[in-house]
Amino acid sequence: MTTIKSLILKNKKRRLINKVRNTSIKNLVKKFLSKINQEGSNYEELKISFHNLQSKIMKAVSKGVFTKNYASRKVSSLCKKLKILENKFVSNDN
Protein backbone atom coordinates (compact mmCIF):
# COMPACT_ATOMS: atom_id res chain seq x y z
CA MET A 1 0.00 0.00 0.00
CA THR A 2 2.82 2.42 0.73
CA THR A 3 4.37 1.89 -2.68
CA ILE A 4 1.10 2.80 -4.33
CA LYS A 5 0.90 6.04 -2.33
CA SER A 6 4.46 6.97 -3.17
CA LEU A 7 3.89 6.19 -6.84
CA ILE A 8 0.81 8.40 -6.84
CA LEU A 9 2.84 11.25 -5.36
CA LYS A 10 5.65 10.73 -7.88
CA ASN A 11 3.13 10.70 -10.68
CA LYS A 12 1.65 14.02 -9.54
CA LYS A 13 5.10 15.61 -9.35
CA ARG A 14 6.09 14.31 -12.77
CA ARG A 15 2.80 15.45 -14.29
CA LEU A 16 3.30 18.97 -12.96
CA ILE A 17 6.88 19.10 -14.21
CA ASN A 18 5.82 17.87 -17.65
CA LYS A 19 2.98 20.38 -17.72
CA VAL A 20 5.39 23.25 -17.00
CA ARG A 21 7.79 22.07 -19.70
CA ASN A 22 4.95 21.61 -22.17
CA THR A 23 3.45 25.05 -21.60
CA SER A 24 6.84 26.77 -21.74
CA ILE A 25 7.58 25.21 -25.12
CA LYS A 26 4.11 26.04 -26.43
CA ASN A 27 4.63 29.65 -25.34
CA LEU A 28 7.98 29.73 -27.15
CA VAL A 29 6.30 28.40 -30.29
CA LYS A 30 3.63 31.11 -30.06
CA LYS A 31 6.29 33.80 -29.65
CA PHE A 32 8.22 32.43 -32.63
CA LEU A 33 5.10 32.41 -34.80
CA SER A 34 4.23 35.95 -33.78
CA LYS A 35 7.77 37.05 -34.70
CA ILE A 36 7.34 35.46 -38.12
CA ASN A 37 4.05 37.27 -38.69
CA GLN A 38 5.48 40.66 -37.69
CA GLU A 39 6.47 43.07 -40.42
CA GLY A 40 10.12 44.07 -40.44
CA SER A 41 11.32 41.00 -38.56
CA ASN A 42 15.00 40.21 -38.94
CA TYR A 43 15.67 36.85 -40.60
CA GLU A 44 18.90 36.22 -38.67
CA GLU A 45 17.16 36.72 -35.32
CA LEU A 46 14.39 34.37 -36.43
CA LYS A 47 16.94 31.78 -37.44
CA ILE A 48 18.65 31.97 -34.05
CA SER A 49 15.35 31.76 -32.18
CA PHE A 50 14.34 28.78 -34.36
CA HIS A 51 17.51 26.91 -33.44
CA ASN A 52 16.93 27.65 -29.75
CA LEU A 53 13.33 26.49 -30.04
CA GLN A 54 14.36 23.32 -31.86
CA SER A 55 16.88 22.58 -29.12
CA LYS A 56 14.25 23.04 -26.40
CA ILE A 57 11.80 20.78 -28.21
CA MET A 58 14.36 18.01 -28.62
CA LYS A 59 15.37 18.31 -24.96
CA ALA A 60 11.71 17.89 -24.05
CA VAL A 61 11.69 14.70 -26.11
CA SER A 62 14.64 13.36 -24.17
CA LYS A 63 12.84 14.22 -20.91
CA GLY A 64 9.75 12.33 -22.08
CA VAL A 65 7.43 15.31 -22.43
CA PHE A 66 6.78 14.81 -26.16
CA THR A 67 7.07 11.85 -28.44
CA LYS A 68 9.76 11.90 -31.10
CA ASN A 69 7.26 11.99 -33.97
CA TYR A 70 5.33 14.89 -32.46
CA ALA A 71 8.51 16.89 -32.02
CA SER A 72 9.68 16.10 -35.54
CA ARG A 73 6.36 17.24 -37.00
CA LYS A 74 6.44 20.43 -34.95
CA VAL A 75 10.03 21.28 -35.93
CA SER A 76 9.31 20.45 -39.56
CA SER A 77 6.28 22.73 -39.74
CA LEU A 78 8.17 25.58 -38.09
CA CYS A 79 11.09 25.04 -40.46
CA LYS A 80 8.75 25.24 -43.46
CA LYS A 81 7.43 28.58 -42.25
CA LEU A 82 10.97 29.83 -41.76
CA LYS A 83 11.92 28.70 -45.28
CA ILE A 84 8.95 30.57 -46.76
CA LEU A 85 10.09 33.69 -44.96
CA GLU A 86 13.65 33.11 -46.15
CA ASN A 87 12.44 32.99 -49.75
CA LYS A 88 10.63 36.30 -49.24
CA PHE A 89 13.81 37.90 -47.89
CA VAL A 90 15.88 36.53 -50.79
CA SER A 91 13.37 37.75 -53.39
CA ASN A 92 13.29 41.21 -51.77
CA ASP A 93 17.08 41.46 -51.87
CA ASN A 94 17.17 40.86 -55.64
PDB file of N, CA and C in Angstrom:
ATOM      1  N   MET A   1       0.818  -1.198   0.000  1.00  0.00           N
ATOM      2  CA  MET A   1       0.000   0.000   0.000  1.00  0.00           C
ATOM      3  C   MET A   1       0.859   1.258   0.000  1.00  0.00           C
ATOM      4  N   THR A   2       1.978   1.211   0.693  1.00  0.00           N
ATOM      5  CA  THR A   2       2.819   2.416   0.733  1.00  0.00           C
ATOM      6  C   THR A   2       3.462   2.696  -0.615  1.00  0.00           C
ATOM      7  N   THR A   3       3.776   1.645  -1.366  1.00  0.00           N
ATOM      8  CA  THR A   3       4.374   1.892  -2.675  1.00  0.00           C
ATOM      9  C   THR A   3       3.376   2.546  -3.615  1.00  0.00           C
ATOM     10  N   ILE A   4       2.117   2.191  -3.484  1.00  0.00           N
ATOM     11  CA  ILE A   4       1.098   2.804  -4.333  1.00  0.00           C
ATOM     12  C   ILE A   4       0.977   4.288  -4.005  1.00  0.00           C
ATOM     13  N   LYS A   5       0.991   4.632  -2.722  1.00  0.00           N
ATOM     14  CA  LYS A   5       0.901   6.038  -2.327  1.00  0.00           C
ATOM     15  C   LYS A   5       2.093   6.828  -2.843  1.00  0.00           C
ATOM     16  N   SER A   6       3.275   6.252  -2.711  1.00  0.00           N
ATOM     17  CA  SER A   6       4.461   6.974  -3.170  1.00  0.00           C
ATOM     18  C   SER A   6       4.464   7.104  -4.690  1.00  0.00           C
ATOM     19  N   LEU A   7       3.971   6.090  -5.381  1.00  0.00           N
ATOM     20  CA  LEU A   7       3.886   6.185  -6.835  1.00  0.00           C
ATOM     21  C   LEU A   7       2.878   7.243  -7.267  1.00  0.00           C
ATOM     22  N   ILE A   8       1.801   7.365  -6.530  1.00  0.00           N
ATOM     23  CA  ILE A   8       0.811   8.399  -6.840  1.00  0.00           C
ATOM     24  C   ILE A   8       1.425   9.783  -6.657  1.00  0.00           C
ATOM     25  N   LEU A   9       2.182   9.965  -5.587  1.00  0.00           N
ATOM     26  CA  LEU A   9       2.837  11.255  -5.361  1.00  0.00           C
ATOM     27  C   LEU A   9       3.873  11.553  -6.443  1.00  0.00           C
ATOM     28  N   LYS A  10       4.656  10.544  -6.815  1.00  0.00           N
ATOM     29  CA  LYS A  10       5.647  10.730  -7.877  1.00  0.00           C
ATOM     30  C   LYS A  10       4.968  11.091  -9.194  1.00  0.00           C
ATOM     31  N   ASN A  11       3.854  10.435  -9.454  1.00  0.00           N
ATOM     32  CA  ASN A  11       3.127  10.697 -10.685  1.00  0.00           C
ATOM     33  C   ASN A  11       2.621  12.136 -10.730  1.00  0.00           C
ATOM     34  N   LYS A  12       2.120  12.634  -9.596  1.00  0.00           N
ATOM     35  CA  LYS A  12       1.649  14.017  -9.538  1.00  0.00           C
ATOM     36  C   LYS A  12       2.789  14.994  -9.788  1.00  0.00           C
ATOM     37  N   LYS A  13       3.940  14.740  -9.162  1.00  0.00           N
ATOM     38  CA  LYS A  13       5.097  15.615  -9.353  1.00  0.00           C
ATOM     39  C   LYS A  13       5.551  15.610 -10.806  1.00  0.00           C
ATOM     40  N   ARG A  14       5.637  14.430 -11.381  1.00  0.00           N
ATOM     41  CA  ARG A  14       6.086  14.314 -12.773  1.00  0.00           C
ATOM     42  C   ARG A  14       5.106  14.988 -13.724  1.00  0.00           C
ATOM     43  N   ARG A  15       3.822  14.835 -13.439  1.00  0.00           N
ATOM     44  CA  ARG A  15       2.801  15.447 -14.287  1.00  0.00           C
ATOM     45  C   ARG A  15       2.919  16.964 -14.259  1.00  0.00           C
ATOM     46  N   LEU A  16       3.148  17.522 -13.074  1.00  0.00           N
ATOM     47  CA  LEU A  16       3.302  18.970 -12.959  1.00  0.00           C
ATOM     48  C   LEU A  16       4.555  19.458 -13.678  1.00  0.00           C
ATOM     49  N   ILE A  17       5.643  18.717 -13.534  1.00  0.00           N
ATOM     50  CA  ILE A  17       6.884  19.098 -14.209  1.00  0.00           C
ATOM     51  C   ILE A  17       6.696  19.050 -15.721  1.00  0.00           C
ATOM     52  N   ASN A  18       6.066  17.986 -16.212  1.00  0.00           N
ATOM     53  CA  ASN A  18       5.822  17.870 -17.651  1.00  0.00           C
ATOM     54  C   ASN A  18       4.890  18.963 -18.151  1.00  0.00           C
ATOM     55  N   LYS A  19       3.915  19.328 -17.326  1.00  0.00           N
ATOM     56  CA  LYS A  19       2.984  20.382 -17.718  1.00  0.00           C
ATOM     57  C   LYS A  19       3.710  21.714 -17.855  1.00  0.00           C
ATOM     58  N   VAL A  20       4.612  22.004 -16.935  1.00  0.00           N
ATOM     59  CA  VAL A  20       5.385  23.245 -16.998  1.00  0.00           C
ATOM     60  C   VAL A  20       6.259  23.259 -18.247  1.00  0.00           C
ATOM     61  N   ARG A  21       6.929  22.152 -18.512  1.00  0.00           N
ATOM     62  CA  ARG A  21       7.786  22.068 -19.704  1.00  0.00           C
ATOM     63  C   ARG A  21       6.957  22.214 -20.972  1.00  0.00           C
ATOM     64  N   ASN A  22       5.817  21.563 -20.995  1.00  0.00           N
ATOM     65  CA  ASN A  22       4.947  21.606 -22.166  1.00  0.00           C
ATOM     66  C   ASN A  22       4.455  23.028 -22.430  1.00  0.00           C
ATOM     67  N   THR A  23       3.973  23.700 -21.408  1.00  0.00           N
ATOM     68  CA  THR A  23       3.453  25.052 -21.599  1.00  0.00           C
ATOM     69  C   THR A  23       4.558  26.034 -21.955  1.00  0.00           C
ATOM     70  N   SER A  24       5.750  25.851 -21.397  1.00  0.00           N
ATOM     71  CA  SER A  24       6.836  26.773 -21.738  1.00  0.00           C
ATOM     72  C   SER A  24       7.222  26.629 -23.204  1.00  0.00           C
ATOM     73  N   ILE A  25       7.241  25.407 -23.709  1.00  0.00           N
ATOM     74  CA  ILE A  25       7.578  25.209 -25.121  1.00  0.00           C
ATOM     75  C   ILE A  25       6.459  25.733 -26.013  1.00  0.00           C
ATOM     76  N   LYS A  26       5.219  25.514 -25.631  1.00  0.00           N
ATOM     77  CA  LYS A  26       4.113  26.039 -26.428  1.00  0.00           C
ATOM     78  C   LYS A  26       4.140  27.563 -26.463  1.00  0.00           C
ATOM     79  N   ASN A  27       4.510  28.194 -25.355  1.00  0.00           N
ATOM     80  CA  ASN A  27       4.631  29.648 -25.339  1.00  0.00           C
ATOM     81  C   ASN A  27       5.763  30.114 -26.244  1.00  0.00           C
ATOM     82  N   LEU A  28       6.876  29.382 -26.257  1.00  0.00           N
ATOM     83  CA  LEU A  28       7.978  29.729 -27.150  1.00  0.00           C
ATOM     84  C   LEU A  28       7.567  29.597 -28.612  1.00  0.00           C
ATOM     85  N   VAL A  29       6.780  28.581 -28.921  1.00  0.00           N
ATOM     86  CA  VAL A  29       6.298  28.404 -30.291  1.00  0.00           C
ATOM     87  C   VAL A  29       5.398  29.570 -30.680  1.00  0.00           C
ATOM     88  N   LYS A  30       4.514  29.985 -29.778  1.00  0.00           N
ATOM     89  CA  LYS A  30       3.628  31.112 -30.060  1.00  0.00           C
ATOM     90  C   LYS A  30       4.424  32.393 -30.285  1.00  0.00           C
ATOM     91  N   LYS A  31       5.457  32.616 -29.475  1.00  0.00           N
ATOM     92  CA  LYS A  31       6.293  33.800 -29.652  1.00  0.00           C
ATOM     93  C   LYS A  31       7.017  33.757 -30.987  1.00  0.00           C
ATOM     94  N   PHE A  32       7.516  32.573 -31.358  1.00  0.00           N
ATOM     95  CA  PHE A  32       8.219  32.426 -32.626  1.00  0.00           C
ATOM     96  C   PHE A  32       7.277  32.710 -33.793  1.00  0.00           C
ATOM     97  N   LEU A  33       6.064  32.180 -33.731  1.00  0.00           N
ATOM     98  CA  LEU A  33       5.103  32.406 -34.804  1.00  0.00           C
ATOM     99  C   LEU A  33       4.679  33.867 -34.885  1.00  0.00           C
ATOM    100  N   SER A  34       4.580  34.531 -33.744  1.00  0.00           N
ATOM    101  CA  SER A  34       4.232  35.954 -33.776  1.00  0.00           C
ATOM    102  C   SER A  34       5.379  36.780 -34.351  1.00  0.00           C
ATOM    103  N   LYS A  35       6.632  36.362 -34.094  1.00  0.00           N
ATOM    104  CA  LYS A  35       7.774  37.048 -34.698  1.00  0.00           C
ATOM    105  C   LYS A  35       7.769  36.885 -36.211  1.00  0.00           C
ATOM    106  N   ILE A  36       7.394  35.701 -36.678  1.00  0.00           N
ATOM    107  CA  ILE A  36       7.344  35.460 -38.120  1.00  0.00           C
ATOM    108  C   ILE A  36       6.288  36.349 -38.768  1.00  0.00           C
ATOM    109  N   ASN A  37       5.151  36.504 -38.116  1.00  0.00           N
ATOM    110  CA  ASN A  37       4.053  37.274 -38.692  1.00  0.00           C
ATOM    111  C   ASN A  37       4.260  38.777 -38.606  1.00  0.00           C
ATOM    112  N   GLN A  38       5.222  39.230 -37.817  1.00  0.00           N
ATOM    113  CA  GLN A  38       5.478  40.664 -37.694  1.00  0.00           C
ATOM    114  C   GLN A  38       6.148  41.191 -38.953  1.00  0.00           C
ATOM    115  N   GLU A  39       5.797  42.406 -39.304  1.00  0.00           N
ATOM    116  CA  GLU A  39       6.474  43.068 -40.416  1.00  0.00           C
ATOM    117  C   GLU A  39       7.812  43.599 -39.928  1.00  0.00           C
ATOM    118  N   GLY A  40       8.805  43.540 -40.785  1.00  0.00           N
ATOM    119  CA  GLY A  40      10.118  44.065 -40.436  1.00  0.00           C
ATOM    120  C   GLY A  40      10.903  43.181 -39.490  1.00  0.00           C
ATOM    121  N   SER A  41      10.564  41.896 -39.437  1.00  0.00           N
ATOM    122  CA  SER A  41      11.316  41.003 -38.563  1.00  0.00           C
ATOM    123  C   SER A  41      12.630  40.626 -39.234  1.00  0.00           C
ATOM    124  N   ASN A  42      13.670  40.516 -38.437  1.00  0.00           N
ATOM    125  CA  ASN A  42      15.002  40.206 -38.937  1.00  0.00           C
ATOM    126  C   ASN A  42      15.134  38.698 -39.113  1.00  0.00           C
ATOM    127  N   TYR A  43      15.579  38.285 -40.300  1.00  0.00           N
ATOM    128  CA  TYR A  43      15.671  36.855 -40.596  1.00  0.00           C
ATOM    129  C   TYR A  43      16.719  36.178 -39.727  1.00  0.00           C
ATOM    130  N   GLU A  44      17.833  36.839 -39.476  1.00  0.00           N
ATOM    131  CA  GLU A  44      18.900  36.225 -38.674  1.00  0.00           C
ATOM    132  C   GLU A  44      18.438  35.973 -37.239  1.00  0.00           C
ATOM    133  N   GLU A  45      17.695  36.914 -36.680  1.00  0.00           N
ATOM    134  CA  GLU A  45      17.156  36.718 -35.324  1.00  0.00           C
ATOM    135  C   GLU A  45      16.157  35.561 -35.301  1.00  0.00           C
ATOM    136  N   LEU A  46      15.348  35.477 -36.350  1.00  0.00           N
ATOM    137  CA  LEU A  46      14.389  34.373 -36.433  1.00  0.00           C
ATOM    138  C   LEU A  46      15.102  33.036 -36.542  1.00  0.00           C
ATOM    139  N   LYS A  47      16.184  33.017 -37.281  1.00  0.00           N
ATOM    140  CA  LYS A  47      16.939  31.779 -37.444  1.00  0.00           C
ATOM    141  C   LYS A  47      17.539  31.332 -36.110  1.00  0.00           C
ATOM    142  N   ILE A  48      18.076  32.283 -35.355  1.00  0.00           N
ATOM    143  CA  ILE A  48      18.651  31.968 -34.046  1.00  0.00           C
ATOM    144  C   ILE A  48      17.562  31.484 -33.088  1.00  0.00           C
ATOM    145  N   SER A  49      16.425  32.173 -33.088  1.00  0.00           N
ATOM    146  CA  SER A  49      15.346  31.758 -32.184  1.00  0.00           C
ATOM    147  C   SER A  49      14.778  30.395 -32.602  1.00  0.00           C
ATOM    148  N   PHE A  50      14.789  30.098 -33.907  1.00  0.00           N
ATOM    149  CA  PHE A  50      14.339  28.778 -34.359  1.00  0.00           C
ATOM    150  C   PHE A  50      15.266  27.687 -33.845  1.00  0.00           C
ATOM    151  N   HIS A  51      16.571  27.918 -33.919  1.00  0.00           N
ATOM    152  CA  HIS A  51      17.514  26.910 -33.443  1.00  0.00           C
ATOM    153  C   HIS A  51      17.378  26.698 -31.935  1.00  0.00           C
ATOM    154  N   ASN A  52      17.152  27.783 -31.197  1.00  0.00           N
ATOM    155  CA  ASN A  52      16.933  27.646 -29.753  1.00  0.00           C
ATOM    156  C   ASN A  52      15.648  26.866 -29.462  1.00  0.00           C
ATOM    157  N   LEU A  53      14.607  27.172 -30.222  1.00  0.00           N
ATOM    158  CA  LEU A  53      13.333  26.486 -30.040  1.00  0.00           C
ATOM    159  C   LEU A  53      13.451  25.009 -30.392  1.00  0.00           C
ATOM    160  N   GLN A  54      14.156  24.712 -31.464  1.00  0.00           N
ATOM    161  CA  GLN A  54      14.362  23.325 -31.863  1.00  0.00           C
ATOM    162  C   GLN A  54      15.119  22.563 -30.776  1.00  0.00           C
ATOM    163  N   SER A  55      16.110  23.205 -30.197  1.00  0.00           N
ATOM    164  CA  SER A  55      16.879  22.582 -29.123  1.00  0.00           C
ATOM    165  C   SER A  55      15.995  22.282 -27.917  1.00  0.00           C
ATOM    166  N   LYS A  56      15.147  23.238 -27.550  1.00  0.00           N
ATOM    167  CA  LYS A  56      14.255  23.038 -26.399  1.00  0.00           C
ATOM    168  C   LYS A  56      13.268  21.898 -26.660  1.00  0.00           C
ATOM    169  N   ILE A  57      12.754  21.834 -27.880  1.00  0.00           N
ATOM    170  CA  ILE A  57      11.797  20.778 -28.212  1.00  0.00           C
ATOM    171  C   ILE A  57      12.464  19.412 -28.122  1.00  0.00           C
ATOM    172  N   MET A  58      13.669  19.304 -28.649  1.00  0.00           N
ATOM    173  CA  MET A  58      14.360  18.013 -28.617  1.00  0.00           C
ATOM    174  C   MET A  58      14.771  17.623 -27.190  1.00  0.00           C
ATOM    175  N   LYS A  59      15.081  18.611 -26.359  1.00  0.00           N
ATOM    176  CA  LYS A  59      15.368  18.308 -24.958  1.00  0.00           C
ATOM    177  C   LYS A  59      14.112  17.803 -24.255  1.00  0.00           C
ATOM    178  N   ALA A  60      12.964  18.362 -24.633  1.00  0.00           N
ATOM    179  CA  ALA A  60      11.707  17.891 -24.052  1.00  0.00           C
ATOM    180  C   ALA A  60      11.428  16.450 -24.467  1.00  0.00           C
ATOM    181  N   VAL A  61      11.846  16.087 -25.672  1.00  0.00           N
ATOM    182  CA  VAL A  61      11.686  14.697 -26.109  1.00  0.00           C
ATOM    183  C   VAL A  61      12.536  13.783 -25.244  1.00  0.00           C
ATOM    184  N   SER A  62      13.762  14.208 -24.979  1.00  0.00           N
ATOM    185  CA  SER A  62      14.640  13.364 -24.166  1.00  0.00           C
ATOM    186  C   SER A  62      14.151  13.259 -22.724  1.00  0.00           C
ATOM    187  N   LYS A  63      13.411  14.267 -22.261  1.00  0.00           N
ATOM    188  CA  LYS A  63      12.843  14.218 -20.910  1.00  0.00           C
ATOM    189  C   LYS A  63      11.530  13.443 -20.866  1.00  0.00           C
ATOM    190  N   GLY A  64      10.978  13.105 -22.033  1.00  0.00           N
ATOM    191  CA  GLY A  64       9.748  12.334 -22.078  1.00  0.00           C
ATOM    192  C   GLY A  64       8.488  13.166 -22.105  1.00  0.00           C
ATOM    193  N   VAL A  65       8.610  14.453 -22.384  1.00  0.00           N
ATOM    194  CA  VAL A  65       7.433  15.313 -22.427  1.00  0.00           C
ATOM    195  C   VAL A  65       6.668  15.091 -23.729  1.00  0.00           C
ATOM    196  N   PHE A  66       7.382  15.039 -24.851  1.00  0.00           N
ATOM    197  CA  PHE A  66       6.784  14.815 -26.161  1.00  0.00           C
ATOM    198  C   PHE A  66       7.308  13.515 -26.745  1.00  0.00           C
ATOM    199  N   THR A  67       6.555  12.979 -27.688  1.00  0.00           N
ATOM    200  CA  THR A  67       7.074  11.847 -28.444  1.00  0.00           C
ATOM    201  C   THR A  67       7.971  12.369 -29.560  1.00  0.00           C
ATOM    202  N   LYS A  68       8.809  11.496 -30.068  1.00  0.00           N
ATOM    203  CA  LYS A  68       9.765  11.901 -31.095  1.00  0.00           C
ATOM    204  C   LYS A  68       9.053  12.338 -32.376  1.00  0.00           C
ATOM    205  N   ASN A  69       7.998  11.631 -32.751  1.00  0.00           N
ATOM    206  CA  ASN A  69       7.264  11.985 -33.968  1.00  0.00           C
ATOM    207  C   ASN A  69       6.570  13.331 -33.839  1.00  0.00           C
ATOM    208  N   TYR A  70       5.983  13.604 -32.684  1.00  0.00           N
ATOM    209  CA  TYR A  70       5.327  14.891 -32.464  1.00  0.00           C
ATOM    210  C   TYR A  70       6.336  16.025 -32.589  1.00  0.00           C
ATOM    211  N   ALA A  71       7.491  15.851 -31.969  1.00  0.00           N
ATOM    212  CA  ALA A  71       8.514  16.889 -32.015  1.00  0.00           C
ATOM    213  C   ALA A  71       9.029  17.083 -33.434  1.00  0.00           C
ATOM    214  N   SER A  72       9.202  16.000 -34.161  1.00  0.00           N
ATOM    215  CA  SER A  72       9.679  16.104 -35.537  1.00  0.00           C
ATOM    216  C   SER A  72       8.673  16.837 -36.413  1.00  0.00           C
ATOM    217  N   ARG A  73       7.397  16.538 -36.236  1.00  0.00           N
ATOM    218  CA  ARG A  73       6.362  17.242 -37.001  1.00  0.00           C
ATOM    219  C   ARG A  73       6.345  18.723 -36.663  1.00  0.00           C
ATOM    220  N   LYS A  74       6.476  19.039 -35.382  1.00  0.00           N
ATOM    221  CA  LYS A  74       6.441  20.433 -34.947  1.00  0.00           C
ATOM    222  C   LYS A  74       7.627  21.202 -35.518  1.00  0.00           C
ATOM    223  N   VAL A  75       8.822  20.625 -35.416  1.00  0.00           N
ATOM    224  CA  VAL A  75      10.028  21.280 -35.925  1.00  0.00           C
ATOM    225  C   VAL A  75       9.942  21.423 -37.441  1.00  0.00           C
ATOM    226  N   SER A  76       9.429  20.407 -38.106  1.00  0.00           N
ATOM    227  CA  SER A  76       9.314  20.449 -39.560  1.00  0.00           C
ATOM    228  C   SER A  76       8.364  21.556 -40.011  1.00  0.00           C
ATOM    229  N   SER A  77       7.234  21.690 -39.346  1.00  0.00           N
ATOM    230  CA  SER A  77       6.278  22.728 -39.737  1.00  0.00           C
ATOM    231  C   SER A  77       6.838  24.121 -39.476  1.00  0.00           C
ATOM    232  N   LEU A  78       7.558  24.281 -38.373  1.00  0.00           N
ATOM    233  CA  LEU A  78       8.173  25.580 -38.094  1.00  0.00           C
ATOM    234  C   LEU A  78       9.278  25.885 -39.096  1.00  0.00           C
ATOM    235  N   CYS A  79      10.015  24.860 -39.486  1.00  0.00           N
ATOM    236  CA  CYS A  79      11.087  25.037 -40.459  1.00  0.00           C
ATOM    237  C   CYS A  79      10.520  25.444 -41.818  1.00  0.00           C
ATOM    238  N   LYS A  80       9.388  24.861 -42.204  1.00  0.00           N
ATOM    239  CA  LYS A  80       8.746  25.235 -43.464  1.00  0.00           C
ATOM    240  C   LYS A  80       8.366  26.707 -43.457  1.00  0.00           C
ATOM    241  N   LYS A  81       7.824  27.173 -42.345  1.00  0.00           N
ATOM    242  CA  LYS A  81       7.431  28.576 -42.250  1.00  0.00           C
ATOM    243  C   LYS A  81       8.644  29.488 -42.313  1.00  0.00           C
ATOM    244  N   LEU A  82       9.737  29.050 -41.719  1.00  0.00           N
ATOM    245  CA  LEU A  82      10.968  29.830 -41.762  1.00  0.00           C
ATOM    246  C   LEU A  82      11.526  29.864 -43.183  1.00  0.00           C
ATOM    247  N   LYS A  83      11.444  28.751 -43.900  1.00  0.00           N
ATOM    248  CA  LYS A  83      11.923  28.698 -45.284  1.00  0.00           C
ATOM    249  C   LYS A  83      11.108  29.614 -46.185  1.00  0.00           C
ATOM    250  N   ILE A  84       9.796  29.665 -45.976  1.00  0.00           N
ATOM    251  CA  ILE A  84       8.949  30.565 -46.759  1.00  0.00           C
ATOM    252  C   ILE A  84       9.377  32.004 -46.528  1.00  0.00           C
ATOM    253  N   LEU A  85       9.642  32.335 -45.284  1.00  0.00           N
ATOM    254  CA  LEU A  85      10.087  33.686 -44.957  1.00  0.00           C
ATOM    255  C   LEU A  85      11.459  33.963 -45.556  1.00  0.00           C
ATOM    256  N   GLU A  86      12.325  32.956 -45.560  1.00  0.00           N
ATOM    257  CA  GLU A  86      13.654  33.114 -46.150  1.00  0.00           C
ATOM    258  C   GLU A  86      13.537  33.419 -47.640  1.00  0.00           C
ATOM    259  N   ASN A  87      12.636  32.732 -48.324  1.00  0.00           N
ATOM    260  CA  ASN A  87      12.435  32.986 -49.748  1.00  0.00           C
ATOM    261  C   ASN A  87      11.935  34.404 -49.994  1.00  0.00           C
ATOM    262  N   LYS A  88      11.103  34.918 -49.103  1.00  0.00           N
ATOM    263  CA  LYS A  88      10.631  36.297 -49.236  1.00  0.00           C
ATOM    264  C   LYS A  88      11.786  37.278 -49.074  1.00  0.00           C
ATOM    265  N   PHE A  89      12.668  37.015 -48.099  1.00  0.00           N
ATOM    266  CA  PHE A  89      13.812  37.897 -47.890  1.00  0.00           C
ATOM    267  C   PHE A  89      14.760  37.848 -49.085  1.00  0.00           C
ATOM    268  N   VAL A  90      14.978  36.672 -49.644  1.00  0.00           N
ATOM    269  CA  VAL A  90      15.878  36.530 -50.790  1.00  0.00           C
ATOM    270  C   VAL A  90      15.299  37.238 -52.004  1.00  0.00           C
ATOM    271  N   SER A  91      13.995  37.106 -52.236  1.00  0.00           N
ATOM    272  CA  SER A  91      13.372  37.754 -53.390  1.00  0.00           C
ATOM    273  C   SER A  91      13.351  39.273 -53.230  1.00  0.00           C
ATOM    274  N   ASN A  92      13.264  39.760 -51.994  1.00  0.00           N
ATOM    275  CA  ASN A  92      13.289  41.206 -51.765  1.00  0.00           C
ATOM    276  C   ASN A  92      14.681  41.782 -51.962  1.00  0.00           C
ATOM    277  N   ASP A  93      15.712  40.979 -51.696  1.00  0.00           N
ATOM    278  CA  ASP A  93      17.080  41.460 -51.866  1.00  0.00           C
ATOM    279  C   ASP A  93      17.432  41.623 -53.335  1.00  0.00           C
ATOM    280  N   ASN A  94      16.854  40.802 -54.198  1.00  0.00           N
ATOM    281  CA  ASN A  94      17.171  40.865 -55.635  1.00  0.00           C
ATOM    282  C   ASN A  94      16.464  41.965 -56.291  1.00  0.00           C
TER     283      ASN A  94
END
